[in-house]
């Protein structure tokens, strides 16, 4: 069973904002002759890397709701110019929308076990995909999703 990470998506107001950012990063990678991917740098490196790379994803919290995820492809530990060690999370190019799930804010990232991870919206078996994002968020806050 895969282990995941969950993190606040700071600076994005919607899934579309996140998708635009990911598309920019993927195009930049392809222009450099690399595989299309995006990345996110964190201060702390996960200790359970092997479990994360065995099918794990990074779940993004947008405006207080788990809203989307990206597959974790790799982790890279490096030391910045300031001498501080950091971890680059290499993420797949696809942003997969999830069933909205309310989450309180926190700093950094947290582990998320597979049983607690929200389902992908495409697997929810409903017409939620065509519903406006604000309405999905409100319904989730009311406990109706």
Protein backbone atom coordinates (compact mmCIF):
# COMPACT_ATOMS: atom_id res chain seq x y z
CA UNK A 1 0.00 0.00 0.00
CA UNK A 2 1.45 3.34 -1.08
CA UNK A 3 2.32 6.15 1.27
CA UNK A 4 1.62 9.74 0.22
CA UNK A 5 2.53 13.29 1.21
CA UNK A 6 0.08 16.12 1.79
CA UNK A 7 0.99 19.81 1.58
CA UNK A 8 -0.58 23.26 1.31
CA UNK A 9 -0.53 24.64 -2.23
CA UNK A 10 0.55 28.18 -1.37
CA UNK A 11 -0.11 30.75 -4.06
CA UNK A 12 -2.75 28.77 -5.95
CA UNK A 13 -6.38 29.82 -5.64
CA UNK A 14 -7.74 26.96 -7.73
CA UNK A 15 -6.85 23.69 -9.42
CA UNK A 16 -6.54 25.63 -12.68
CA UNK A 17 -3.83 27.81 -11.08
CA UNK A 18 -1.96 24.66 -10.07
CA UNK A 19 -2.35 23.18 -13.56
CA UNK A 20 -0.94 26.35 -15.15
CA UNK A 21 2.06 26.29 -12.84
CA UNK A 22 2.68 22.59 -13.57
CA UNK A 23 2.35 23.16 -17.34
CA UNK A 24 4.95 25.96 -17.17
CA UNK A 25 7.38 23.75 -15.26
CA UNK A 26 6.82 20.82 -17.64
CA UNK A 27 7.49 23.02 -20.70
CA UNK A 28 10.66 24.36 -19.07
CA UNK A 29 11.86 20.80 -18.40
CA UNK A 30 11.11 19.72 -21.98
CA UNK A 31 12.94 22.78 -23.36
CA UNK A 32 15.98 21.68 -21.36
CA UNK A 33 15.74 18.21 -22.92
CA UNK A 34 14.34 16.57 -19.78
CA UNK A 35 11.23 14.52 -19.18
CA UNK A 36 8.13 16.68 -18.59
CA UNK A 37 7.74 17.07 -14.85
CA UNK A 38 7.40 19.69 -12.18
CA UNK A 39 9.12 19.82 -8.84
CA UNK A 40 8.65 21.27 -5.40
CA UNK A 41 11.47 22.01 -2.97
CA UNK A 42 11.01 21.44 0.76
CA UNK A 43 13.34 22.02 3.68
CA UNK A 44 12.89 18.58 5.23
CA UNK A 45 13.48 15.30 3.42
CA UNK A 46 11.03 12.43 3.99
CA UNK A 47 12.61 9.54 5.90
CA UNK A 48 10.18 7.04 4.31
CA UNK A 49 11.28 7.72 0.72
CA UNK A 50 11.10 4.09 -0.43
CA UNK A 51 7.42 3.87 0.59
CA UNK A 52 6.63 7.19 -1.08
CA UNK A 53 8.25 6.18 -4.35
CA UNK A 54 6.28 2.93 -4.43
CA UNK A 55 3.24 4.55 -6.06
CA UNK A 56 2.86 7.57 -3.78
CA UNK A 57 1.53 11.02 -4.64
CA UNK A 58 1.73 14.56 -3.33
CA UNK A 59 -1.78 15.70 -2.35
CA UNK A 60 -2.35 19.45 -2.60
CA UNK A 61 -4.55 21.45 -0.22
CA UNK A 62 -6.08 24.47 -1.96
CA UNK A 63 -8.20 26.93 0.04
CA UNK A 64 -8.66 24.54 2.96
CA UNK A 65 -9.56 21.48 0.87
CA UNK A 66 -7.55 18.56 -0.45
CA UNK A 67 -8.24 19.21 -4.12
CA UNK A 68 -5.66 17.48 -6.32
CA UNK A 69 -2.65 15.23 -6.41
CA UNK A 70 0.46 14.61 -8.48
CA UNK A 71 2.41 11.36 -8.66
CA UNK A 72 5.76 11.36 -6.88
CA UNK A 73 8.41 10.28 -9.37
CA UNK A 74 11.59 10.84 -7.38
CA UNK A 75 13.21 12.65 -4.45
CA UNK A 76 16.50 14.51 -4.72
CA UNK A 77 18.45 15.77 -1.71
CA UNK A 78 20.75 18.74 -2.36
CA UNK A 79 22.54 21.52 -0.53
CA UNK A 80 21.60 25.06 -1.53
CA UNK A 81 23.97 27.96 -2.02
CA UNK A 82 23.28 28.94 1.60
CA UNK A 83 24.63 25.59 2.84
CA UNK A 84 21.21 24.32 3.91
CA UNK A 85 20.11 20.83 2.88
CA UNK A 86 16.83 20.61 0.96
CA UNK A 87 14.70 18.00 -0.77
CA UNK A 88 13.32 18.35 -4.30
CA UNK A 89 10.12 16.39 -4.90
CA UNK A 90 10.00 15.40 -8.58
CA UNK A 91 6.33 15.27 -9.60
CA UNK A 92 4.50 13.87 -12.59
CA UNK A 93 3.09 16.31 -15.16
CA UNK A 94 -0.55 15.38 -14.58
CA UNK A 95 -2.66 17.14 -11.92
CA UNK A 96 -5.35 14.65 -10.85
CA UNK A 97 -8.42 16.20 -9.25
CA UNK A 98 -9.62 14.50 -6.06
CA UNK A 99 -12.90 14.48 -4.20
CA UNK A 100 -12.69 17.63 -2.03
CA UNK A 101 -11.86 16.94 1.61
CA UNK A 102 -11.58 19.71 4.24
CA UNK A 103 -8.15 20.09 5.90
CA UNK A 104 -6.85 22.54 8.46
CA UNK A 105 -3.67 24.43 7.59
CA UNK A 106 -0.27 23.24 8.80
CA UNK A 107 3.35 24.01 8.04
CA UNK A 108 5.49 21.83 5.83
CA UNK A 109 4.23 18.45 4.67
CA UNK A 110 2.74 15.41 6.38
CA UNK A 111 2.59 11.73 5.55
CA UNK A 112 -0.81 10.52 4.34
CA UNK A 113 -1.60 6.81 4.36
CA UNK A 114 -3.50 5.34 1.42
CA UNK A 115 -6.60 4.60 3.51
CA UNK A 116 -6.95 8.29 4.46
CA UNK A 117 -6.27 9.70 1.00
CA UNK A 118 -9.25 11.17 -0.87
CA UNK A 119 -10.38 9.28 -3.97
CA UNK A 120 -9.71 10.62 -7.42
CA UNK A 121 -12.68 12.55 -8.76
CA UNK A 122 -12.78 10.31 -11.85
CA UNK A 123 -13.30 7.28 -9.57
CA UNK A 124 -16.06 8.91 -7.50
CA UNK A 125 -18.72 7.65 -9.90
CA UNK A 126 -20.66 10.89 -10.16
CA UNK A 127 -20.94 14.10 -12.14
CA UNK A 128 -18.72 16.00 -9.71
CA UNK A 129 -16.21 16.72 -12.48
CA UNK A 130 -18.64 19.06 -14.24
CA UNK A 131 -19.56 20.90 -11.02
CA UNK A 132 -17.91 24.31 -10.36
CA UNK A 133 -14.95 24.14 -7.97
CA UNK A 134 -16.52 26.57 -5.48
CA UNK A 135 -19.68 24.45 -5.24
CA UNK A 136 -17.66 21.26 -4.68
CA UNK A 137 -15.69 23.03 -1.93
CA UNK A 138 -18.87 24.24 -0.23
CA UNK A 139 -20.55 20.82 -0.40
CA UNK A 140 -17.43 19.20 1.08
CA UNK A 141 -17.39 21.73 3.94
CA UNK A 142 -21.00 20.81 4.68
CA UNK A 143 -20.08 17.11 4.70
CA UNK A 144 -22.19 16.33 1.65
CA UNK A 145 -19.36 14.95 -0.50
